[in-house]
C-alpha atoms as a PDB file:
ATOM      1  CA  MET A   1      49.083 -80.960 -20.701  1.00  0.00           C
ATOM      2  CA  GLY A   2      52.301 -79.300 -21.722  1.00  0.00           C
ATOM      3  CA  LEU A   3      53.846 -76.074 -20.779  1.00  0.00           C
ATOM      4  CA  PHE A   4      51.991 -74.234 -23.510  1.00  0.00           C
ATOM      5  CA  GLY A   5      48.649 -75.661 -22.338  1.00  0.00           C
ATOM      6  CA  GLN A   6      49.157 -74.477 -18.772  1.00  0.00           C
ATOM      7  CA  GLN A   7      50.153 -71.017 -19.987  1.00  0.00           C
ATOM      8  CA  LYS A   8      47.013 -70.855 -22.130  1.00  0.00           C
ATOM      9  CA  ILE A   9      44.808 -71.782 -19.147  1.00  0.00           C
ATOM     10  CA  ARG A  10      46.418 -69.075 -17.016  1.00  0.00           C
ATOM     11  CA  ASP A  11      45.880 -66.516 -19.760  1.00  0.00           C
ATOM     12  CA  MET A  12      42.206 -67.441 -20.074  1.00  0.00           C
ATOM     13  CA  ALA A  13      41.775 -67.214 -16.288  1.00  0.00           C
ATOM     14  CA  CYS A  14      43.341 -63.773 -16.260  1.00  0.00           C
ATOM     15  CA  LEU A  15      41.105 -62.764 -19.123  1.00  0.00           C
ATOM     16  CA  ASN A  16      38.013 -63.962 -17.262  1.00  0.00           C
ATOM     17  CA  MET A  17      39.061 -62.156 -14.099  1.00  0.00           C
ATOM     18  CA  GLY A  18      39.642 -58.968 -16.083  1.00  0.00           C
ATOM     19  CA  SER A  19      36.201 -59.297 -17.616  1.00  0.00           C
ATOM     20  CA  GLN A  20      34.636 -59.766 -14.197  1.00  0.00           C
ATOM     21  CA  VAL A  21      36.462 -56.725 -12.886  1.00  0.00           C
ATOM     22  CA  ARG A  22      35.286 -54.668 -15.827  1.00  0.00           C
ATOM     23  CA  ILE A  23      31.734 -55.919 -15.431  1.00  0.00           C
ATOM     24  CA  GLU A  24      31.742 -55.189 -11.734  1.00  0.00           C
ATOM     25  CA  THR A  25      33.258 -51.825 -12.405  1.00  0.00           C
ATOM     26  CA  ASN A  26      30.656 -51.129 -15.036  1.00  0.00           C
ATOM     27  CA  VAL A  27      27.866 -52.288 -12.744  1.00  0.00           C
ATOM     28  CA  PHE A  28      29.208 -50.105  -9.921  1.00  0.00           C
ATOM     29  CA  GLY A  29      29.596 -47.189 -12.235  1.00  0.00           C
ATOM     30  CA  TYR A  30      26.060 -47.668 -13.576  1.00  0.00           C
ATOM     31  CA  SER A  31      24.652 -47.750 -10.082  1.00  0.00           C
ATOM     32  CA  VAL A  32      26.383 -44.488  -9.187  1.00  0.00           C
ATOM     33  CA  TYR A  33      25.450 -42.970 -12.492  1.00  0.00           C
ATOM     34  CA  GLY A  34      21.829 -44.086 -12.170  1.00  0.00           C
ATOM     35  CA  MET A  35      21.240 -43.248  -8.528  1.00  0.00           C
ATOM     36  CA  GLY A  36      23.188 -39.981  -8.406  1.00  0.00           C
ATOM     37  CA  PRO A  37      20.954 -37.829 -10.619  1.00  0.00           C
ATOM     38  CA  ASP A  38      17.785 -39.079  -8.910  1.00  0.00           C
ATOM     39  CA  LEU A  39      19.191 -38.211  -5.525  1.00  0.00           C
ATOM     40  CA  ILE A  40      20.340 -34.818  -6.730  1.00  0.00           C
ATOM     41  CA  ARG A  41      16.994 -34.121  -8.396  1.00  0.00           C
ATOM     42  CA  ASN A  42      15.093 -35.060  -5.252  1.00  0.00           C
ATOM     43  CA  GLU A  43      17.288 -32.898  -3.061  1.00  0.00           C
ATOM     44  CA  LEU A  44      17.132 -29.947  -5.436  1.00  0.00           C
ATOM     45  CA  GLY A  45      13.369 -30.343  -5.759  1.00  0.00           C
ATOM     46  CA  ALA A  46      12.882 -30.341  -1.997  1.00  0.00           C
ATOM     47  CA  TYR A  47      15.177 -27.337  -1.624  1.00  0.00           C
ATOM     48  CA  GLY A  48      13.410 -25.506  -4.436  1.00  0.00           C
ATOM     49  CA  GLU A  49       9.991 -26.111  -2.890  1.00  0.00           C
ATOM     50  CA  LYS A  50      11.274 -24.899   0.444  1.00  0.00           C
ATOM     51  CA  LEU A  51      12.851 -21.839  -1.129  1.00  0.00           C
ATOM     52  CA  LEU A  52       9.777 -20.989  -3.191  1.00  0.00           C
ATOM     53  CA  GLY A  53       7.512 -21.598  -0.214  1.00  0.00           C
ATOM     54  CA  SER A  54       9.529 -19.318   2.024  1.00  0.00           C
ATOM     55  CA  SER A  55       9.749 -16.688  -0.724  1.00  0.00           C
ATOM     56  CA  SER A  56       5.994 -16.839  -1.287  1.00  0.00           C
ATOM     57  CA  ALA A  57       5.326 -16.515   2.431  1.00  0.00           C
ATOM     58  CA  TYR A  58       7.779 -13.625   2.623  1.00  0.00           C
ATOM     59  CA  MET A  59       6.142 -11.822  -0.298  1.00  0.00           C
ATOM     60  CA  GLN A  60       2.655 -12.367   1.108  1.00  0.00           C
ATOM     61  CA  SER A  61       3.705 -11.087   4.531  1.00  0.00           C
ATOM     62  CA  ASN A  62       5.289  -7.980   3.005  1.00  0.00           C
ATOM     63  CA  ILE A  63       2.350  -7.339   0.712  1.00  0.00           C
ATOM     64  CA  SER A  64      -0.076  -7.626   3.622  1.00  0.00           C
ATOM     65  CA  ARG A  65       2.201  -5.438   5.719  1.00  0.00           C
ATOM     66  CA  TYR A  66       2.880  -2.630   3.249  1.00  0.00           C
ATOM     67  CA  LEU A  67      -0.092  -2.758   0.905  1.00  0.00           C
ATOM     68  CA  SER A  68      -2.709  -4.212   3.241  1.00  0.00           C
ATOM     69  CA  ASN A  69      -5.802  -5.580   1.503  1.00  0.00           C
ATOM     70  CA  PRO A  70      -7.080  -3.261  -1.256  1.00  0.00           C
ATOM     71  CA  GLN A  71     -10.564  -4.762  -1.085  1.00  0.00           C
ATOM     72  CA  TYR A  72     -10.803  -3.658   2.543  1.00  0.00           C
ATOM     73  CA  TYR A  73     -10.848   0.018   1.500  1.00  0.00           C
ATOM     74  CA  PHE A  74     -13.816  -0.388  -0.829  1.00  0.00           C
ATOM     75  CA  GLN A  75     -16.203  -2.120   1.581  1.00  0.00           C
ATOM     76  CA  VAL A  76     -18.610   0.813   1.808  1.00  0.00           C
ATOM     77  CA  ASN A  77     -22.310   1.491   1.471  1.00  0.00           C
ATOM     78  CA  ASP A  78     -24.522   4.541   1.091  1.00  0.00           C
ATOM     79  CA  GLY A  79     -24.789   5.064   4.825  1.00  0.00           C
ATOM     80  CA  TYR A  80     -21.053   5.035   5.319  1.00  0.00           C
ATOM     81  CA  VAL A  81     -20.425   7.441   2.420  1.00  0.00           C
ATOM     82  CA  LYS A  82     -23.011   9.893   3.725  1.00  0.00           C
ATOM     83  CA  ASN A  83     -21.712   9.825   7.290  1.00  0.00           C
ATOM     84  CA  LYS A  84     -18.069   9.956   6.176  1.00  0.00           C
ATOM     85  CA  LEU A  85     -18.678  13.022   4.027  1.00  0.00           C
ATOM     86  CA  GLU A  86     -20.221  14.731   7.043  1.00  0.00           C
ATOM     87  CA  VAL A  87     -17.140  13.877   9.089  1.00  0.00           C
ATOM     88  CA  ILE A  88     -14.810  15.207   6.375  1.00  0.00           C
ATOM     89  CA  LEU A  89     -16.713  18.443   5.829  1.00  0.00           C
ATOM     90  CA  PHE A  90     -17.640  19.039   9.483  1.00  0.00           C
ATOM     91  CA  PRO A  91     -15.097  17.166  11.626  1.00  0.00           C
ATOM     92  CA  PHE A  92     -15.761  19.265  14.705  1.00  0.00           C
ATOM     93  CA  LEU A  93     -19.352  17.993  14.723  1.00  0.00           C
ATOM     94  CA  HIS A  94     -18.283  14.354  14.821  1.00  0.00           C
ATOM     95  CA  ARG A  95     -19.696  12.781  17.953  1.00  0.00           C
ATOM     96  CA  GLY A  96     -17.940   9.975  19.715  1.00  0.00           C
ATOM     97  CA  HIS A  97     -14.326   8.886  19.643  1.00  0.00           C
ATOM     98  CA  TRP A  98     -11.904   8.766  16.721  1.00  0.00           C
ATOM     99  CA  ILE A  99     -10.448   5.366  17.597  1.00  0.00           C
ATOM    100  CA  ARG A 100     -10.963   2.638  14.993  1.00  0.00           C
ATOM    101  CA  ALA A 101     -13.061  -0.367  15.976  1.00  0.00           C
ATOM    102  CA  THR A 102     -11.391  -3.777  16.102  1.00  0.00           C
ATOM    103  CA  GLU A 103     -12.572  -7.358  15.796  1.00  0.00           C
ATOM    104  CA  LYS A 104     -11.003 -10.792  16.240  1.00  0.00           C
ATOM    105  CA  LEU A 105     -10.480 -12.773  13.030  1.00  0.00           C
ATOM    106  CA  GLY A 106      -8.542 -16.007  12.874  1.00  0.00           C
ATOM    107  CA  GLY A 107      -7.247 -15.571  16.389  1.00  0.00           C
ATOM    108  CA  GLN A 108      -5.824 -12.115  15.598  1.00  0.00           C
ATOM    109  CA  MET A 109      -7.128  -8.629  16.208  1.00  0.00           C
ATOM    110  CA  SER A 110      -7.853  -6.588  13.077  1.00  0.00           C
ATOM    111  CA  PHE A 111      -9.647  -3.362  12.244  1.00  0.00           C
ATOM    112  CA  LYS A 112     -13.246  -3.469  11.108  1.00  0.00           C
ATOM    113  CA  PRO A 113     -13.887  -2.482   7.464  1.00  0.00           C
ATOM    114  CA  PRO A 114     -15.332   0.959   6.638  1.00  0.00           C
ATOM    115  CA  ILE A 115     -18.841  -0.407   6.236  1.00  0.00           C
ATOM    116  CA  HIS A 116     -18.820  -1.209   9.963  1.00  0.00           C
ATOM    117  CA  ASP A 117     -16.669   1.659  11.254  1.00  0.00           C
ATOM    118  CA  ILE A 118     -17.010   5.348  10.384  1.00  0.00           C
ATOM    119  CA  ASN A 119     -13.441   5.997  11.559  1.00  0.00           C
ATOM    120  CA  ALA A 120     -11.888   3.506   9.121  1.00  0.00           C
ATOM    121  CA  PRO A 121     -10.103   4.927   6.050  1.00  0.00           C
ATOM    122  CA  ASP A 122     -11.454   4.130   2.613  1.00  0.00           C
ATOM    123  CA  LEU A 123     -10.357   4.686  -0.970  1.00  0.00           C
ATOM    124  CA  TYR A 124     -13.811   4.916  -2.501  1.00  0.00           C
ATOM    125  CA  ILE A 125     -14.424   8.511  -1.418  1.00  0.00           C
ATOM    126  CA  PRO A 126     -10.932   9.789  -2.408  1.00  0.00           C
ATOM    127  CA  PHE A 127     -11.165   8.297  -5.911  1.00  0.00           C
ATOM    128  CA  MET A 128     -14.722   9.510  -6.433  1.00  0.00           C
ATOM    129  CA  ALA A 129     -13.829  12.946  -5.085  1.00  0.00           C
ATOM    130  CA  PHE A 130     -10.803  13.106  -7.378  1.00  0.00           C
ATOM    131  CA  GLY A 131     -12.996  12.320 -10.377  1.00  0.00           C
ATOM    132  CA  THR A 132     -15.539  14.914  -9.231  1.00  0.00           C
ATOM    133  CA  TYR A 133     -12.747  17.469  -8.914  1.00  0.00           C
ATOM    134  CA  LEU A 134     -11.694  16.876 -12.536  1.00  0.00           C
ATOM    135  CA  VAL A 135     -15.309  17.159 -13.781  1.00  0.00           C
ATOM    136  CA  LEU A 136     -15.852  20.411 -11.886  1.00  0.00           C
ATOM    137  CA  ALA A 137     -12.514  21.771 -13.083  1.00  0.00           C
ATOM    138  CA  GLY A 138     -13.489  21.004 -16.685  1.00  0.00           C
ATOM    139  CA  LEU A 139     -16.888  22.627 -16.151  1.00  0.00           C
ATOM    140  CA  PHE A 140     -15.292  25.751 -14.697  1.00  0.00           C
ATOM    141  CA  LEU A 141     -12.858  25.969 -17.600  1.00  0.00           C
ATOM    142  CA  GLY A 142     -15.710  25.529 -20.074  1.00  0.00           C
ATOM    143  CA  ILE A 143     -17.802  28.262 -18.462  1.00  0.00           C
ATOM    144  CA  ASN A 144     -14.887  30.677 -18.732  1.00  0.00           C
ATOM    145  CA  GLY A 145     -14.076  29.655 -22.303  1.00  0.00           C
ATOM    146  CA  ARG A 146     -10.690  28.143 -21.451  1.00  0.00           C
ATOM    147  CA  PHE A 147     -11.440  24.457 -21.734  1.00  0.00           C
ATOM    148  CA  SER A 148      -8.993  22.303 -23.623  1.00  0.00           C
ATOM    149  CA  PRO A 149      -7.566  18.802 -23.156  1.00  0.00           C
ATOM    150  CA  GLU A 150      -4.231  20.370 -22.259  1.00  0.00           C
ATOM    151  CA  ALA A 151      -5.801  22.580 -19.571  1.00  0.00           C
ATOM    152  CA  LEU A 152      -7.652  19.613 -18.080  1.00  0.00           C
ATOM    153  CA  GLY A 153      -4.420  17.625 -18.197  1.00  0.00           C
ATOM    154  CA  VAL A 154      -2.760  20.363 -16.155  1.00  0.00           C
ATOM    155  CA  GLN A 155      -5.463  20.025 -13.514  1.00  0.00           C
ATOM    156  CA  LEU A 156      -5.009  16.258 -13.508  1.00  0.00           C
ATOM    157  CA  THR A 157      -1.279  16.682 -12.944  1.00  0.00           C
ATOM    158  CA  ASN A 158      -1.830  19.276 -10.221  1.00  0.00           C
ATOM    159  CA  GLY A 159      -4.260  16.976  -8.459  1.00  0.00           C
ATOM    160  CA  LEU A 160      -1.894  14.017  -8.514  1.00  0.00           C
ATOM    161  CA  LEU A 161       1.024  16.164  -7.322  1.00  0.00           C
ATOM    162  CA  CYS A 162      -1.083  17.571  -4.505  1.00  0.00           C
ATOM    163  CA  TRP A 163      -2.170  14.080  -3.472  1.00  0.00           C
ATOM    164  CA  LEU A 164       1.433  12.896  -3.520  1.00  0.00           C
ATOM    165  CA  PHE A 165       2.609  15.874  -1.464  1.00  0.00           C
ATOM    166  CA  GLN A 166      -0.147  15.290   1.088  1.00  0.00           C
ATOM    167  CA  VAL A 167       0.802  11.620   1.427  1.00  0.00           C
ATOM    168  CA  LEU A 168       4.496  12.450   1.813  1.00  0.00           C
ATOM    169  CA  LEU A 169       3.675  15.076   4.423  1.00  0.00           C
ATOM    170  CA  LEU A 170       1.597  12.643   6.453  1.00  0.00           C
ATOM    171  CA  GLU A 171       4.209   9.885   6.121  1.00  0.00           C
ATOM    172  CA  ALA A 172       6.991  12.234   7.218  1.00  0.00           C
ATOM    173  CA  THR A 173       4.947  13.338  10.226  1.00  0.00           C
ATOM    174  CA  LEU A 174       4.204   9.769  11.287  1.00  0.00           C
ATOM    175  CA  HIS A 175       7.799   8.602  10.902  1.00  0.00           C
ATOM    176  CA  THR A 176       9.126  11.640  12.741  1.00  0.00           C
ATOM    177  CA  LEU A 177       6.856  11.258  15.737  1.00  0.00           C
ATOM    178  CA  GLY A 178       6.831   7.515  16.258  1.00  0.00           C
ATOM    179  CA  ASP A 179       7.873   4.060  15.187  1.00  0.00           C
ATOM    180  CA  GLY A 180       4.418   2.800  14.298  1.00  0.00           C
ATOM    181  CA  ASP A 181       3.746   0.875  11.108  1.00  0.00           C
ATOM    182  CA  VAL A 182       0.794   2.552   9.400  1.00  0.00           C
ATOM    183  CA  PRO A 183      -0.192   0.862   6.093  1.00  0.00           C
ATOM    184  CA  PRO A 184       0.534   3.117   3.084  1.00  0.00           C
ATOM    185  CA  LEU A 185      -3.004   2.669   1.755  1.00  0.00           C
ATOM    186  CA  ASP A 186      -4.282   4.217   4.978  1.00  0.00           C
ATOM    187  CA  VAL A 187      -2.133   7.281   4.390  1.00  0.00           C
ATOM    188  CA  ILE A 188      -3.177   7.463   0.721  1.00  0.00           C
ATOM    189  CA  ALA A 189      -6.806   7.405   1.809  1.00  0.00           C
ATOM    190  CA  TYR A 190      -6.270  10.147   4.381  1.00  0.00           C
ATOM    191  CA  GLY A 191      -4.426  12.292   1.861  1.00  0.00           C
ATOM    192  CA  GLY A 192      -7.161  11.866  -0.758  1.00  0.00           C
ATOM    193  CA  TYR A 193      -9.898  13.359   1.423  1.00  0.00           C
ATOM    194  CA  ILE A 194      -8.675  16.814   0.394  1.00  0.00           C
ATOM    195  CA  PHE A 195     -10.504  16.405  -2.929  1.00  0.00           C
ATOM    196  CA  VAL A 196     -13.831  16.438  -1.092  1.00  0.00           C
ATOM    197  CA  ALA A 197     -12.965  19.883   0.232  1.00  0.00           C
ATOM    198  CA  VAL A 198     -11.686  21.213  -3.094  1.00  0.00           C
ATOM    199  CA  SER A 199     -14.821  19.954  -4.852  1.00  0.00           C
ATOM    200  CA  VAL A 200     -16.885  22.095  -2.481  1.00  0.00           C
ATOM    201  CA  VAL A 201     -14.581  25.033  -3.249  1.00  0.00           C
ATOM    202  CA  LEU A 202     -15.073  24.620  -7.000  1.00  0.00           C
ATOM    203  CA  VAL A 203     -18.860  24.333  -6.650  1.00  0.00           C
ATOM    204  CA  ALA A 204     -18.866  27.575  -4.659  1.00  0.00           C
ATOM    205  CA  ARG A 205     -16.611  29.242  -7.227  1.00  0.00           C
ATOM    206  CA  ILE A 206     -18.857  28.179 -10.102  1.00  0.00           C
ATOM    207  CA  LEU A 207     -21.952  29.494  -8.331  1.00  0.00           C
ATOM    208  CA  CYS A 208     -20.367  32.681  -7.028  1.00  0.00           C
ATOM    209  CA  ARG A 209     -16.784  33.544  -7.822  1.00  0.00           C
ATOM    210  CA  TYR A 210     -16.621  36.091  -4.983  1.00  0.00           C
ATOM    211  CA  SER A 211     -17.079  33.321  -2.427  1.00  0.00           C
ATOM    212  CA  PHE A 212     -13.870  31.573  -3.429  1.00  0.00           C
ATOM    213  CA  HIS A 213     -11.577  32.897  -0.686  1.00  0.00           C
ATOM    214  CA  ALA A 214     -14.113  32.580   2.128  1.00  0.00           C
ATOM    215  CA  VAL A 215     -15.114  29.012   1.219  1.00  0.00           C
ATOM    216  CA  THR A 216     -11.493  27.992   0.678  1.00  0.00           C
ATOM    217  CA  MET A 217     -10.424  29.270   4.100  1.00  0.00           C
ATOM    218  CA  TRP A 218     -13.352  27.457   5.682  1.00  0.00           C
ATOM    219  CA  GLU A 219     -12.420  24.208   3.975  1.00  0.00           C
ATOM    220  CA  CYS A 220      -8.779  24.687   5.026  1.00  0.00           C
ATOM    221  CA  PHE A 221      -9.945  24.899   8.618  1.00  0.00           C
ATOM    222  CA  CYS A 222     -12.086  21.764   8.240  1.00  0.00           C
ATOM    223  CA  MET A 223      -9.354  19.740   6.515  1.00  0.00           C
ATOM    224  CA  GLY A 224      -6.773  20.849   9.065  1.00  0.00           C
ATOM    225  CA  THR A 225      -9.053  19.812  11.912  1.00  0.00           C
ATOM    226  CA  LEU A 226      -9.794  16.461  10.275  1.00  0.00           C
ATOM    227  CA  LEU A 227      -6.145  15.557   9.694  1.00  0.00           C
ATOM    228  CA  VAL A 228      -5.086  16.647  13.178  1.00  0.00           C
ATOM    229  CA  LYS A 229      -7.818  14.471  14.683  1.00  0.00           C
ATOM    230  CA  ILE A 230      -6.798  11.517  12.520  1.00  0.00           C
ATOM    231  CA  LEU A 231      -3.085  11.928  13.238  1.00  0.00           C
ATOM    232  CA  LYS A 232      -3.657  12.280  16.969  1.00  0.00           C
ATOM    233  CA  ARG A 233      -5.757   9.116  16.925  1.00  0.00           C
ATOM    234  CA  ILE A 234      -3.020   7.245  15.063  1.00  0.00           C
ATOM    235  CA  LEU A 235      -0.277   8.578  17.319  1.00  0.00           C
ATOM    236  CA  ILE A 236      -2.162   7.693  20.472  1.00  0.00           C
ATOM    237  CA  ALA A 237      -3.597   4.330  19.451  1.00  0.00           C
ATOM    238  CA  GLU A 238      -1.100   2.835  16.998  1.00  0.00           C
ATOM    239  CA  MET A 239       2.284   4.217  18.040  1.00  0.00           C
ATOM    240  CA  ARG A 240       4.377   3.516  21.081  1.00  0.00           C
ATOM    241  CA  SER A 241       6.914   6.330  21.245  1.00  0.00           C
ATOM    242  CA  CYS A 242       4.730   9.359  20.511  1.00  0.00           C
ATOM    243  CA  TYR A 243       4.924  10.545  24.100  1.00  0.00           C
ATOM    244  CA  GLU A 244       8.671  11.002  23.779  1.00  0.00           C
ATOM    245  CA  HIS A 245       8.111  13.867  21.306  1.00  0.00           C
ATOM    246  CA  SER A 246       5.093  15.655  22.773  1.00  0.00           C
ATOM    247  CA  SER A 247       6.337  19.193  22.041  1.00  0.00           C
ATOM    248  CA  LYS A 248       7.504  18.259  18.544  1.00  0.00           C
ATOM    249  CA  ARG A 249       4.164  16.581  17.953  1.00  0.00           C
ATOM    250  CA  HIS A 250       2.204  19.803  18.460  1.00  0.00           C
ATOM    251  CA  TYR A 251       4.381  21.735  16.021  1.00  0.00           C
ATOM    252  CA  LEU A 252       4.160  19.066  13.349  1.00  0.00           C
ATOM    253  CA  LEU A 253       0.404  18.776  13.705  1.00  0.00           C
ATOM    254  CA  LEU A 254       0.134  22.537  13.256  1.00  0.00           C
ATOM    255  CA  LEU A 255       2.338  22.255  10.178  1.00  0.00           C
ATOM    256  CA  VAL A 256       0.011  19.646   8.681  1.00  0.00           C
ATOM    257  CA  ALA A 257      -3.004  21.844   9.430  1.00  0.00           C
ATOM    258  CA  PHE A 258      -1.497  25.009   7.921  1.00  0.00           C
ATOM    259  CA  ALA A 259      -0.238  23.087   4.881  1.00  0.00           C
ATOM    260  CA  GLN A 260      -3.864  22.681   3.773  1.00  0.00           C
ATOM    261  CA  VAL A 261      -4.058  26.405   2.988  1.00  0.00           C
ATOM    262  CA  PRO A 262      -1.612  26.497   0.041  1.00  0.00           C
ATOM    263  CA  LEU A 263      -2.769  23.072  -1.175  1.00  0.00           C
ATOM    264  CA  LEU A 264      -6.433  24.036  -1.371  1.00  0.00           C
ATOM    265  CA  PHE A 265      -5.699  27.423  -2.942  1.00  0.00           C
ATOM    266  CA  TRP A 266      -3.445  25.699  -5.456  1.00  0.00           C
ATOM    267  CA  LEU A 267      -6.123  23.170  -6.430  1.00  0.00           C
ATOM    268  CA  GLY A 268      -8.935  25.727  -6.331  1.00  0.00           C
ATOM    269  CA  ASN A 269      -7.228  28.189  -8.706  1.00  0.00           C
ATOM    270  CA  VAL A 270      -8.315  26.299 -11.793  1.00  0.00           C
ATOM    271  CA  GLY A 271      -7.013  27.725 -15.072  1.00  0.00           C
ATOM    272  CA  VAL A 272      -4.679  30.215 -13.408  1.00  0.00           C
END
């Protein structure tokens, strides 16, 4: 072979080597390109599941902490409703303690539902009492010739504002006196019991308008007694630092009791 033949062989060898390098490079690049996205997708998927799982657990824990279980507050029967109404209207006649009953579920202590504990809060009576209050307010307006959708809407607004003020008052009292964590639905239930008292006031006013002030003052006394009993039970049983504010506690409990006077007169003055 001549000089040109040898040069041609070397060129072909270099060409083959270059091709091999390119092929190897392409194969290496393909492997990185093929395996990289799978690895990233797997890692991101695992991280996403972990993140969503932790977020779901966090949301469930906060919902159970701040909103409790709404179904719990509607586990009632006729016997409970009857006995609870007696407690609300005549709290000083309630025999026994005011401490809520507990039971062990799933290895943890929890409060018994209203159907099994007269001291448990419920939302059935507050909602039914609120509806009864609106019906009686409409009846009173109709009897006096002042019924109109607008007038009934005013009573609806007044009732909701009163309920909100009662809840805020109870929440402020609890947070001022202790560091306990009382579920908001408990406080909403306690605040809604005032509509049982105002329904009695409206019935008395419909039957005899001259009995309005006497019945209202009586119901103020009963509601004040009920809320003081409930708050004292919560402060003693569910809070840890209530004893550090014993003098302040008495004044705030009196404030809650006396606050029922303007609230009941406000709700009872239908159409004024």
